[in-house]
Amino acid sequence: MLHTQLIFVNRLAIRSLLASLALICLTGAATPPKNILFLGDSITAGYGLEPSQAYPALIQAKIDANRWNFKAINAGQSGDTTAGGLNRLNWLLKNRVDVLVLELGGNDGLRGLPAETSRKNLQAIIDGTKAKYPEVKIILAGMKVPPNMGADYAKQFNATFPELAKRNQAALIPFILEGVGGVRELNLADGIHPTAKGHERVAANVWKVMEPVLKSLTN
C-alpha cells in the first residue's frame, strides 16, 4: 500500500514539474529579458506627457504584441545634451544593455554647440557601451536643426548621425521626428515637443528600424 502511495505521489510531482516547465516555455519566464536602453533627451522622456505615452512605452507595446522577450528602459532626460548623456553613461551601464537607442544631439544643435563636439560625445557613448557590452546593438536616432541655425552649421550637424552610423555599423533612424517636426497638430504649444499623437508617429519611425534588429536577436 505504501509503495502504491509513493508511486502516486511521484507521478503527481512529475506532472507538476512538467506543467511548470510548460508554463516557463510559454511565458519565457526562465530567460531574463534583453534590455533596450533608450538614452535620450526630452523626446525620449516624453516631455509634457504621461510615461505611457512616450515612444519607448509604445515600442514596448509593439514588442509585447510580438511576444518578444525585451524590456524597454526609458533613460530620457529633458534638456540633456550629448555631454550630459556621456556623464550619465557609467551609471546606466550598471545594468546590462543589449540594445542601445541613442537619441541625443537635438539640444546641442538648438544651442549651436560645435558639431564636432557632439560627434565626439556620441562616439564616446558608443565606445563606452561597446567596451562594457561588446555584443550590444546600436541604433542611432538622427536629428536635424532648423534652417535659422545657418546653412553651414546645419550641414555639419545633420551629417553627424549618418557618418557615425556608418563608422560604427549602427542602425540609423534618419530623422526621428520625420512627419512630426514642424507639424503643428502633432506638437505641444511650444512647437518642439511631440503630443501623444506625435509620439505614435515617432514610435513608428523608430520601429521601422528597430524591428529587424530585435528580430535578429530572437533567433
C-alpha atoms as a PDB file:
ATOM      1  CA  MET A   1       0.000   0.000   0.000  1.00  0.00           C
ATOM      2  CA  LEU A   2       2.816   2.417   0.936  1.00  0.00           C
ATOM      3  CA  HIS A   3       4.649   1.583  -2.300  1.00  0.00           C
ATOM      4  CA  THR A   4       1.499   2.387  -4.287  1.00  0.00           C
ATOM      5  CA  GLN A   5       1.120   5.731  -2.492  1.00  0.00           C
ATOM      6  CA  LEU A   6       4.743   6.644  -3.218  1.00  0.00           C
ATOM      7  CA  ILE A   7       4.279   5.900  -6.908  1.00  0.00           C
ATOM      8  CA  PHE A   8       1.139   8.064  -6.921  1.00  0.00           C
ATOM      9  CA  VAL A   9       2.949  10.934  -5.182  1.00  0.00           C
ATOM     10  CA  ASN A  10       5.884  10.676  -7.579  1.00  0.00           C
ATOM     11  CA  ARG A  11       3.546  10.787 -10.554  1.00  0.00           C
ATOM     12  CA  LEU A  12       1.928  13.937  -9.174  1.00  0.00           C
ATOM     13  CA  ALA A  13       5.350  15.513  -8.664  1.00  0.00           C
ATOM     14  CA  ILE A  14       6.383  14.682 -12.214  1.00  0.00           C
ATOM     15  CA  ARG A  15       3.147  16.068 -13.602  1.00  0.00           C
ATOM     16  CA  SER A  16       3.608  19.257 -11.581  1.00  0.00           C
ATOM     17  CA  LEU A  17       7.188  19.613 -12.836  1.00  0.00           C
ATOM     18  CA  LEU A  18       6.139  19.092 -16.435  1.00  0.00           C
ATOM     19  CA  ALA A  19       3.358  21.660 -16.054  1.00  0.00           C
ATOM     20  CA  SER A  20       5.826  24.170 -14.609  1.00  0.00           C
ATOM     21  CA  LEU A  21       8.269  23.569 -17.462  1.00  0.00           C
ATOM     22  CA  ALA A  22       5.475  24.025 -19.996  1.00  0.00           C
ATOM     23  CA  LEU A  23       4.465  27.306 -18.368  1.00  0.00           C
ATOM     24  CA  ILE A  24       8.076  28.516 -18.435  1.00  0.00           C
ATOM     25  CA  CYS A  25       8.319  27.651 -22.131  1.00  0.00           C
ATOM     26  CA  LEU A  26       5.133  29.543 -22.892  1.00  0.00           C
ATOM     27  CA  THR A  27       5.961  32.644 -20.874  1.00  0.00           C
ATOM     28  CA  GLY A  28       9.724  32.762 -21.279  1.00  0.00           C
ATOM     29  CA  ALA A  29       9.933  33.212 -17.509  1.00  0.00           C
ATOM     30  CA  ALA A  30      13.149  31.189 -17.316  1.00  0.00           C
ATOM     31  CA  THR A  31      15.021  33.648 -19.548  1.00  0.00           C
ATOM     32  CA  PRO A  32      15.523  37.236 -18.366  1.00  0.00           C
ATOM     33  CA  PRO A  33      14.516  39.830 -20.949  1.00  0.00           C
ATOM     34  CA  LYS A  34      17.098  41.541 -23.108  1.00  0.00           C
ATOM     35  CA  ASN A  35      17.385  45.215 -22.164  1.00  0.00           C
ATOM     36  CA  ILE A  36      16.815  48.062 -24.599  1.00  0.00           C
ATOM     37  CA  LEU A  37      18.253  51.294 -23.230  1.00  0.00           C
ATOM     38  CA  PHE A  38      16.729  54.456 -24.658  1.00  0.00           C
ATOM     39  CA  LEU A  39      19.309  57.123 -23.880  1.00  0.00           C
ATOM     40  CA  GLY A  40      17.901  60.477 -24.877  1.00  0.00           C
ATOM     41  CA  ASP A  41      16.567  63.910 -24.094  1.00  0.00           C
ATOM     42  CA  SER A  42      13.046  65.300 -23.736  1.00  0.00           C
ATOM     43  CA  ILE A  43      11.866  63.486 -26.872  1.00  0.00           C
ATOM     44  CA  THR A  44      12.646  60.148 -25.248  1.00  0.00           C
ATOM     45  CA  ALA A  45      11.479  61.298 -21.803  1.00  0.00           C
ATOM     46  CA  GLY A  46       8.093  62.231 -23.267  1.00  0.00           C
ATOM     47  CA  TYR A  47       8.110  65.850 -22.102  1.00  0.00           C
ATOM     48  CA  GLY A  48       4.637  67.052 -21.134  1.00  0.00           C
ATOM     49  CA  LEU A  49       3.095  63.583 -21.350  1.00  0.00           C
ATOM     50  CA  GLU A  50       2.479  60.538 -19.211  1.00  0.00           C
ATOM     51  CA  PRO A  51       5.331  57.989 -19.360  1.00  0.00           C
ATOM     52  CA  SER A  52       2.967  55.529 -21.025  1.00  0.00           C
ATOM     53  CA  GLN A  53       2.515  57.958 -23.930  1.00  0.00           C
ATOM     54  CA  ALA A  54       6.222  58.401 -24.700  1.00  0.00           C
ATOM     55  CA  TYR A  55       7.579  56.458 -27.656  1.00  0.00           C
ATOM     56  CA  PRO A  56       9.677  53.966 -25.582  1.00  0.00           C
ATOM     57  CA  ALA A  57       6.478  52.754 -23.905  1.00  0.00           C
ATOM     58  CA  LEU A  58       4.801  52.486 -27.302  1.00  0.00           C
ATOM     59  CA  ILE A  59       7.757  50.444 -28.526  1.00  0.00           C
ATOM     60  CA  GLN A  60       7.334  48.146 -25.509  1.00  0.00           C
ATOM     61  CA  ALA A  61       3.710  47.621 -26.539  1.00  0.00           C
ATOM     62  CA  LYS A  62       4.832  46.589 -30.033  1.00  0.00           C
ATOM     63  CA  ILE A  63       7.374  44.202 -28.517  1.00  0.00           C
ATOM     64  CA  ASP A  64       4.745  42.666 -26.266  1.00  0.00           C
ATOM     65  CA  ALA A  65       2.393  42.246 -29.219  1.00  0.00           C
ATOM     66  CA  ASN A  66       5.110  40.146 -30.872  1.00  0.00           C
ATOM     67  CA  ARG A  67       5.660  38.206 -27.613  1.00  0.00           C
ATOM     68  CA  TRP A  68       9.352  39.017 -27.715  1.00  0.00           C
ATOM     69  CA  ASN A  69      11.389  38.968 -24.528  1.00  0.00           C
ATOM     70  CA  PHE A  70      12.728  42.539 -24.395  1.00  0.00           C
ATOM     71  CA  LYS A  71      12.440  45.254 -21.774  1.00  0.00           C
ATOM     72  CA  ALA A  72      12.413  48.934 -22.778  1.00  0.00           C
ATOM     73  CA  ILE A  73      14.237  51.187 -20.310  1.00  0.00           C
ATOM     74  CA  ASN A  74      13.499  54.880 -20.688  1.00  0.00           C
ATOM     75  CA  ALA A  75      16.608  56.884 -19.779  1.00  0.00           C
ATOM     76  CA  GLY A  76      15.391  60.093 -21.357  1.00  0.00           C
ATOM     77  CA  GLN A  77      16.153  63.335 -19.522  1.00  0.00           C
ATOM     78  CA  SER A  78      14.684  66.643 -20.596  1.00  0.00           C
ATOM     79  CA  GLY A  79      17.275  69.215 -21.604  1.00  0.00           C
ATOM     80  CA  ASP A  80      20.042  66.635 -21.885  1.00  0.00           C
ATOM     81  CA  THR A  81      22.917  67.156 -24.305  1.00  0.00           C
ATOM     82  CA  THR A  82      25.410  64.675 -25.703  1.00  0.00           C
ATOM     83  CA  ALA A  83      27.778  65.700 -22.891  1.00  0.00           C
ATOM     84  CA  GLY A  84      25.065  65.073 -20.301  1.00  0.00           C
ATOM     85  CA  GLY A  85      24.340  61.643 -21.747  1.00  0.00           C
ATOM     86  CA  LEU A  86      28.028  60.789 -21.650  1.00  0.00           C
ATOM     87  CA  ASN A  87      28.210  61.859 -17.997  1.00  0.00           C
ATOM     88  CA  ARG A  88      25.301  59.567 -17.137  1.00  0.00           C
ATOM     89  CA  LEU A  89      26.589  56.590 -19.097  1.00  0.00           C
ATOM     90  CA  ASN A  90      28.589  54.709 -16.458  1.00  0.00           C
ATOM     91  CA  TRP A  91      25.661  54.681 -14.062  1.00  0.00           C
ATOM     92  CA  LEU A  92      23.283  53.500 -16.784  1.00  0.00           C
ATOM     93  CA  LEU A  93      25.630  50.700 -17.832  1.00  0.00           C
ATOM     94  CA  LYS A  94      25.428  49.085 -14.392  1.00  0.00           C
ATOM     95  CA  ASN A  95      22.512  47.122 -15.809  1.00  0.00           C
ATOM     96  CA  ARG A  96      23.129  45.017 -18.898  1.00  0.00           C
ATOM     97  CA  VAL A  97      22.407  46.705 -22.222  1.00  0.00           C
ATOM     98  CA  ASP A  98      21.626  44.530 -25.251  1.00  0.00           C
ATOM     99  CA  VAL A  99      20.323  47.306 -27.499  1.00  0.00           C
ATOM    100  CA  LEU A 100      21.197  50.991 -27.193  1.00  0.00           C
ATOM    101  CA  VAL A 101      18.884  53.524 -28.804  1.00  0.00           C
ATOM    102  CA  LEU A 102      20.900  56.741 -28.784  1.00  0.00           C
ATOM    103  CA  GLU A 103      18.664  59.803 -29.141  1.00  0.00           C
ATOM    104  CA  LEU A 104      20.843  62.768 -28.236  1.00  0.00           C
ATOM    105  CA  GLY A 105      22.094  65.848 -30.024  1.00  0.00           C
ATOM    106  CA  GLY A 106      18.948  67.899 -30.513  1.00  0.00           C
ATOM    107  CA  ASN A 107      19.748  70.222 -27.627  1.00  0.00           C
ATOM    108  CA  ASP A 108      23.339  70.547 -28.823  1.00  0.00           C
ATOM    109  CA  GLY A 109      22.007  71.762 -32.140  1.00  0.00           C
ATOM    110  CA  LEU A 110      19.500  74.206 -30.664  1.00  0.00           C
ATOM    111  CA  ARG A 111      22.291  75.703 -28.557  1.00  0.00           C
ATOM    112  CA  GLY A 112      24.620  75.932 -31.532  1.00  0.00           C
ATOM    113  CA  LEU A 113      27.283  73.749 -29.921  1.00  0.00           C
ATOM    114  CA  PRO A 114      30.085  72.681 -32.277  1.00  0.00           C
ATOM    115  CA  ALA A 115      29.023  69.705 -34.378  1.00  0.00           C
ATOM    116  CA  GLU A 116      32.434  68.109 -33.847  1.00  0.00           C
ATOM    117  CA  THR A 117      31.933  68.219 -30.069  1.00  0.00           C
ATOM    118  CA  SER A 118      28.575  66.473 -30.402  1.00  0.00           C
ATOM    119  CA  ARG A 119      30.147  63.888 -32.680  1.00  0.00           C
ATOM    120  CA  LYS A 120      32.927  63.140 -30.206  1.00  0.00           C
ATOM    121  CA  ASN A 121      30.478  62.790 -27.318  1.00  0.00           C
ATOM    122  CA  LEU A 122      28.214  60.443 -29.257  1.00  0.00           C
ATOM    123  CA  GLN A 123      31.196  58.358 -30.324  1.00  0.00           C
ATOM    124  CA  ALA A 124      32.359  58.189 -26.703  1.00  0.00           C
ATOM    125  CA  ILE A 125      28.926  56.927 -25.648  1.00  0.00           C
ATOM    126  CA  ILE A 126      29.028  54.238 -28.328  1.00  0.00           C
ATOM    127  CA  ASP A 127      32.604  53.258 -27.432  1.00  0.00           C
ATOM    128  CA  GLY A 128      31.830  53.118 -23.725  1.00  0.00           C
ATOM    129  CA  THR A 129      28.780  50.931 -24.259  1.00  0.00           C
ATOM    130  CA  LYS A 130      30.630  48.560 -26.578  1.00  0.00           C
ATOM    131  CA  ALA A 131      33.534  48.318 -24.157  1.00  0.00           C
ATOM    132  CA  LYS A 132      31.166  47.130 -21.408  1.00  0.00           C
ATOM    133  CA  TYR A 133      28.893  45.031 -23.625  1.00  0.00           C
ATOM    134  CA  PRO A 134      30.723  44.034 -26.847  1.00  0.00           C
ATOM    135  CA  GLU A 135      27.655  42.338 -28.362  1.00  0.00           C
ATOM    136  CA  VAL A 136      25.403  45.387 -27.960  1.00  0.00           C
ATOM    137  CA  LYS A 137      23.359  46.537 -30.958  1.00  0.00           C
ATOM    138  CA  ILE A 138      23.421  50.287 -31.575  1.00  0.00           C
ATOM    139  CA  ILE A 139      20.523  52.234 -33.052  1.00  0.00           C
ATOM    140  CA  LEU A 140      21.299  55.889 -33.696  1.00  0.00           C
ATOM    141  CA  ALA A 141      18.443  58.387 -33.890  1.00  0.00           C
ATOM    142  CA  GLY A 142      19.161  61.142 -36.387  1.00  0.00           C
ATOM    143  CA  MET A 143      18.229  64.738 -35.637  1.00  0.00           C
ATOM    144  CA  LYS A 144      18.153  67.908 -37.739  1.00  0.00           C
ATOM    145  CA  VAL A 145      18.446  71.566 -36.776  1.00  0.00           C
ATOM    146  CA  PRO A 146      16.110  74.277 -38.102  1.00  0.00           C
ATOM    147  CA  PRO A 147      17.292  76.409 -41.050  1.00  0.00           C
ATOM    148  CA  ASN A 148      17.688  79.508 -38.881  1.00  0.00           C
ATOM    149  CA  MET A 149      20.815  77.938 -37.348  1.00  0.00           C
ATOM    150  CA  GLY A 150      22.635  78.659 -40.600  1.00  0.00           C
ATOM    151  CA  ALA A 151      23.216  76.527 -43.688  1.00  0.00           C
ATOM    152  CA  ASP A 152      26.839  75.642 -42.920  1.00  0.00           C
ATOM    153  CA  TYR A 153      26.121  74.637 -39.344  1.00  0.00           C
ATOM    154  CA  ALA A 154      23.032  72.656 -40.369  1.00  0.00           C
ATOM    155  CA  LYS A 155      25.056  70.759 -42.965  1.00  0.00           C
ATOM    156  CA  GLN A 156      27.744  69.824 -40.445  1.00  0.00           C
ATOM    157  CA  PHE A 157      25.283  68.943 -37.699  1.00  0.00           C
ATOM    158  CA  ASN A 158      22.894  66.908 -39.863  1.00  0.00           C
ATOM    159  CA  ALA A 159      25.785  64.888 -41.300  1.00  0.00           C
ATOM    160  CA  THR A 160      26.872  63.803 -37.816  1.00  0.00           C
ATOM    161  CA  PHE A 161      24.370  60.975 -37.483  1.00  0.00           C
ATOM    162  CA  PRO A 162      24.753  59.129 -40.803  1.00  0.00           C
ATOM    163  CA  GLU A 163      28.548  59.454 -40.507  1.00  0.00           C
ATOM    164  CA  LEU A 164      28.547  57.935 -37.013  1.00  0.00           C
ATOM    165  CA  ALA A 165      26.149  55.174 -38.051  1.00  0.00           C
ATOM    166  CA  LYS A 166      28.404  54.228 -40.963  1.00  0.00           C
ATOM    167  CA  ARG A 167      31.573  54.362 -38.856  1.00  0.00           C
ATOM    168  CA  ASN A 168      30.085  52.149 -36.138  1.00  0.00           C
ATOM    169  CA  GLN A 169      27.947  49.883 -38.316  1.00  0.00           C
ATOM    170  CA  ALA A 170      24.940  51.063 -36.368  1.00  0.00           C
ATOM    171  CA  ALA A 171      21.324  51.080 -37.493  1.00  0.00           C
ATOM    172  CA  LEU A 172      20.214  54.609 -38.357  1.00  0.00           C
ATOM    173  CA  ILE A 173      16.857  56.291 -37.899  1.00  0.00           C
ATOM    174  CA  PRO A 174      17.423  59.061 -40.489  1.00  0.00           C
ATOM    175  CA  PHE A 175      15.276  61.639 -38.654  1.00  0.00           C
ATOM    176  CA  ILE A 176      13.421  60.560 -35.549  1.00  0.00           C
ATOM    177  CA  LEU A 177      10.907  63.411 -35.883  1.00  0.00           C
ATOM    178  CA  GLU A 178      10.106  62.632 -39.528  1.00  0.00           C
ATOM    179  CA  GLY A 179       6.477  63.546 -40.152  1.00  0.00           C
ATOM    180  CA  VAL A 180       6.273  65.234 -36.733  1.00  0.00           C
ATOM    181  CA  GLY A 181       8.716  68.139 -36.738  1.00  0.00           C
ATOM    182  CA  GLY A 182       7.017  71.308 -37.913  1.00  0.00           C
ATOM    183  CA  VAL A 183       3.547  69.717 -37.918  1.00  0.00           C
ATOM    184  CA  ARG A 184       1.538  71.933 -35.583  1.00  0.00           C
ATOM    185  CA  GLU A 185      -1.141  69.418 -34.602  1.00  0.00           C
ATOM    186  CA  LEU A 186       1.461  66.809 -33.644  1.00  0.00           C
ATOM    187  CA  ASN A 187       3.390  69.079 -31.278  1.00  0.00           C
ATOM    188  CA  LEU A 188       2.661  70.751 -27.969  1.00  0.00           C
ATOM    189  CA  ALA A 189       2.134  74.504 -27.778  1.00  0.00           C
ATOM    190  CA  ASP A 190       5.917  75.059 -27.666  1.00  0.00           C
ATOM    191  CA  GLY A 191       6.158  73.731 -31.214  1.00  0.00           C
ATOM    192  CA  ILE A 192       9.089  71.485 -30.236  1.00  0.00           C
ATOM    193  CA  HIS A 193       7.840  68.529 -28.227  1.00  0.00           C
ATOM    194  CA  PRO A 194       5.505  65.914 -29.751  1.00  0.00           C
ATOM    195  CA  THR A 195       1.992  65.337 -28.478  1.00  0.00           C
ATOM    196  CA  ALA A 196       0.785  61.838 -27.646  1.00  0.00           C
ATOM    197  CA  LYS A 197      -0.271  61.511 -31.277  1.00  0.00           C
ATOM    198  CA  GLY A 198       3.130  62.781 -32.333  1.00  0.00           C
ATOM    199  CA  HIS A 199       4.812  60.109 -30.238  1.00  0.00           C
ATOM    200  CA  GLU A 200       2.835  57.471 -32.089  1.00  0.00           C
ATOM    201  CA  ARG A 201       4.476  58.693 -35.287  1.00  0.00           C
ATOM    202  CA  VAL A 202       7.883  58.815 -33.587  1.00  0.00           C
ATOM    203  CA  ALA A 203       7.388  55.228 -32.398  1.00  0.00           C
ATOM    204  CA  ALA A 204       6.590  54.196 -35.967  1.00  0.00           C
ATOM    205  CA  ASN A 205       9.812  55.845 -37.183  1.00  0.00           C
ATOM    206  CA  VAL A 206      11.809  54.018 -34.532  1.00  0.00           C
ATOM    207  CA  TRP A 207      10.065  50.681 -35.001  1.00  0.00           C
ATOM    208  CA  LYS A 208      10.759  50.664 -38.738  1.00  0.00           C
ATOM    209  CA  VAL A 209      14.480  50.480 -37.955  1.00  0.00           C
ATOM    210  CA  MET A 210      14.310  48.613 -34.655  1.00  0.00           C
ATOM    211  CA  GLU A 211      12.072  45.705 -35.642  1.00  0.00           C
ATOM    212  CA  PRO A 212      14.661  43.886 -37.799  1.00  0.00           C
ATOM    213  CA  VAL A 213      17.328  44.468 -35.137  1.00  0.00           C
ATOM    214  CA  LEU A 214      15.173  42.867 -32.447  1.00  0.00           C
ATOM    215  CA  LYS A 215      14.119  40.085 -34.780  1.00  0.00           C
ATOM    216  CA  SER A 216      17.778  39.199 -35.320  1.00  0.00           C
ATOM    217  CA  LEU A 217      18.169  38.816 -31.547  1.00  0.00           C
ATOM    218  CA  THR A 218      15.208  36.471 -31.193  1.00  0.00           C
ATOM    219  CA  ASN A 219      16.670  33.822 -33.470  1.00  0.00           C
END
